[in-house]
Protein backbone atom coordinates (compact mmCIF):
# COMPACT_ATOMS: atom_id res chain seq x y z
CA MET A 1 -96.56 -10.89 -50.36
CA SER A 2 -94.40 -13.96 -50.28
CA VAL A 3 -93.83 -16.25 -48.13
CA ASP A 4 -91.16 -18.20 -46.84
CA ARG A 5 -92.12 -22.05 -46.56
CA SER A 6 -88.69 -23.26 -44.93
CA HIS A 7 -89.04 -19.98 -42.41
CA PRO A 8 -92.39 -18.25 -42.46
CA GLU A 9 -92.03 -16.58 -39.37
CA GLY A 10 -89.27 -14.78 -40.21
CA SER A 11 -91.38 -11.89 -42.52
CA ASP A 12 -93.47 -9.45 -40.58
CA ASP A 13 -96.32 -9.77 -42.77
CA LEU A 14 -99.64 -10.79 -42.63
CA VAL A 15 -98.92 -14.15 -43.08
CA ALA A 16 -95.97 -14.39 -41.05
CA SER A 17 -98.51 -12.96 -37.73
CA LEU A 18 -100.86 -15.66 -38.67
CA LEU A 19 -98.58 -18.57 -38.59
CA ARG A 20 -96.99 -17.65 -35.69
CA GLY A 21 -100.23 -17.03 -34.17
CA VAL A 22 -102.58 -19.23 -35.66
CA PRO A 23 -100.01 -22.43 -36.51
CA GLU A 24 -103.41 -24.40 -37.19
CA PHE A 25 -103.61 -21.77 -40.31
CA LEU A 26 -100.59 -22.88 -42.24
CA PRO A 27 -101.98 -25.61 -44.32
CA ALA A 28 -104.45 -23.89 -45.66
CA CYS A 29 -102.29 -20.72 -46.34
CA ARG A 30 -99.67 -23.13 -47.71
CA THR A 31 -102.56 -24.69 -50.23
CA LEU A 32 -102.96 -20.53 -50.86
CA VAL A 33 -99.87 -19.78 -51.73
CA ASP A 34 -98.76 -22.68 -54.07
CA ALA A 35 -101.96 -22.23 -55.61
CA CYS A 36 -101.16 -18.45 -56.58
CA ASP A 37 -97.18 -18.71 -57.31
CA ASP A 38 -96.29 -17.09 -53.79
CA ASP A 39 -98.21 -14.60 -53.87
CA PRO A 40 -102.22 -14.74 -52.81
CA GLY A 41 -102.27 -10.64 -51.73
CA GLU A 42 -103.50 -9.97 -48.29
CA PRO A 43 -107.36 -10.07 -49.56
CA LEU A 44 -106.58 -13.61 -50.83
CA VAL A 45 -105.17 -14.68 -47.33
CA LEU A 46 -108.14 -12.61 -45.62
CA MET A 47 -111.19 -14.61 -47.51
CA GLU A 48 -109.13 -17.94 -46.56
CA LEU A 49 -108.77 -16.51 -43.55
CA ALA A 50 -112.95 -16.28 -42.83
CA GLU A 51 -113.34 -19.75 -44.38
CA PHE A 52 -110.95 -20.79 -41.72
CA VAL A 53 -112.65 -18.97 -39.51
CA SER A 54 -116.15 -20.11 -40.48
CA LEU A 55 -115.34 -23.85 -40.74
CA ARG A 56 -114.00 -23.81 -36.89
CA MET A 57 -117.77 -21.61 -36.06
CA ALA A 58 -119.48 -24.04 -37.94
CA ALA A 59 -118.09 -27.07 -35.55
CA ILE A 60 -118.90 -25.52 -32.18
CA GLU A 61 -122.54 -24.98 -33.63
CA VAL A 62 -122.79 -28.78 -34.83
CA GLU A 63 -121.05 -29.95 -31.54
CA ARG A 64 -122.94 -27.34 -28.66
CA PRO A 65 -126.03 -29.65 -28.72
CA PRO A 66 -124.64 -32.75 -28.23
CA LEU A 67 -122.18 -31.39 -25.56
CA GLU A 68 -125.24 -29.45 -23.59
CA ARG A 69 -127.29 -33.14 -23.85
CA ALA A 70 -124.69 -34.98 -22.62
CA LEU A 71 -123.87 -32.70 -19.67
CA ALA A 72 -127.53 -32.20 -18.95
CA ALA A 73 -127.70 -36.52 -18.55
CA VAL A 74 -124.71 -36.45 -16.02
CA GLU A 75 -126.91 -33.58 -14.13
CA ASP A 76 -130.06 -35.38 -14.23
CA HIS A 77 -128.22 -38.64 -13.21
CA LEU A 78 -127.02 -36.79 -10.12
CA SER A 79 -130.66 -36.08 -9.57
CA SER A 80 -131.70 -39.35 -9.64
CA ILE A 81 -128.99 -40.36 -7.11
CA ALA A 82 -129.36 -37.56 -4.77
CA GLY A 83 -128.25 -38.54 -0.89
CA ASP A 84 -126.04 -41.85 -2.73
CA ARG A 85 -122.54 -40.44 -1.90
CA ILE A 86 -121.16 -43.50 -3.51
CA GLY A 87 -123.14 -42.76 -6.53
CA PHE A 88 -121.63 -39.18 -6.51
CA GLN A 89 -118.07 -40.04 -5.76
CA LEU A 90 -118.03 -42.46 -8.91
CA VAL A 91 -119.70 -39.25 -10.70
CA ALA A 92 -116.70 -37.19 -9.83
CA PHE A 93 -113.89 -39.70 -10.07
CA ALA A 94 -114.40 -41.18 -13.36
CA PHE A 95 -116.74 -38.29 -15.27
CA PHE A 96 -115.24 -35.33 -13.95
CA ASP A 97 -111.82 -35.94 -12.98
CA SER A 98 -111.26 -37.73 -16.59
CA PHE A 99 -110.68 -34.44 -18.28
CA SER A 100 -107.73 -32.48 -18.17
CA PRO A 101 -107.53 -29.40 -16.27
CA GLU A 102 -108.13 -27.31 -19.13
CA HIS A 103 -111.34 -28.92 -20.55
CA ARG A 104 -112.72 -28.40 -16.87
CA ARG A 105 -112.03 -25.04 -16.87
CA LEU A 106 -114.10 -24.63 -19.88
CA LEU A 107 -116.96 -27.17 -18.73
CA ALA A 108 -117.53 -25.28 -15.89
CA PRO A 109 -119.73 -22.34 -17.07
CA ARG A 110 -121.66 -25.30 -18.54
CA LEU A 111 -122.69 -26.95 -15.78
CA GLY A 112 -125.87 -27.93 -13.70
CA PRO A 113 -125.96 -26.46 -10.21
CA ARG A 114 -125.26 -30.00 -8.69
CA SER A 115 -122.46 -31.36 -10.84
CA ARG A 116 -120.71 -27.89 -10.22
CA VAL A 117 -121.05 -28.73 -6.20
CA LEU A 118 -119.60 -32.18 -7.00
CA ALA A 119 -116.69 -31.55 -9.42
CA GLY A 120 -115.98 -28.41 -6.64
CA GLU A 121 -115.35 -31.33 -4.46
CA LEU A 122 -112.81 -32.55 -6.46
CA ASP A 123 -109.98 -30.33 -4.87
CA LEU A 124 -108.58 -29.17 -7.68
CA PRO A 125 -107.29 -25.89 -6.52
CA ASP A 126 -106.14 -24.96 -10.66
CA ILE A 127 -110.23 -25.10 -11.08
CA ARG A 128 -112.58 -22.13 -10.65
CA TRP A 129 -116.11 -24.41 -10.64
CA GLU A 130 -118.25 -21.73 -9.15
CA SER A 131 -118.25 -20.27 -12.12
CA SER A 132 -121.79 -19.84 -13.38
CA GLY A 133 -122.81 -19.80 -17.10
């Protein structure tokens, strides 16, 4: 299996398919191809892909607890300012509205009940804040 580095998407092999679907894999794949004289073989490519996936899975696990604690702190803060409409608006616009639509979508299932209600009041039709998770 050889890779045309100038046009990896021109071939229909595993590497080309990976590079079309997972462009972030390109640097790891190039290193592997260079180390194997342009022909690493499918087993080595799949092993490298497994490493690529494992590293990302580990990053998710490492970052999950701080994310959960941060969102819990926002939820606790909302509990402590219950009834303070200005305080709620501050959290809505300074915190929730600071995220891109994609990040808000990803956060929605992780929000506590007060956060979900508050974020839902932001009139963001492209986001389904009612998600539960």
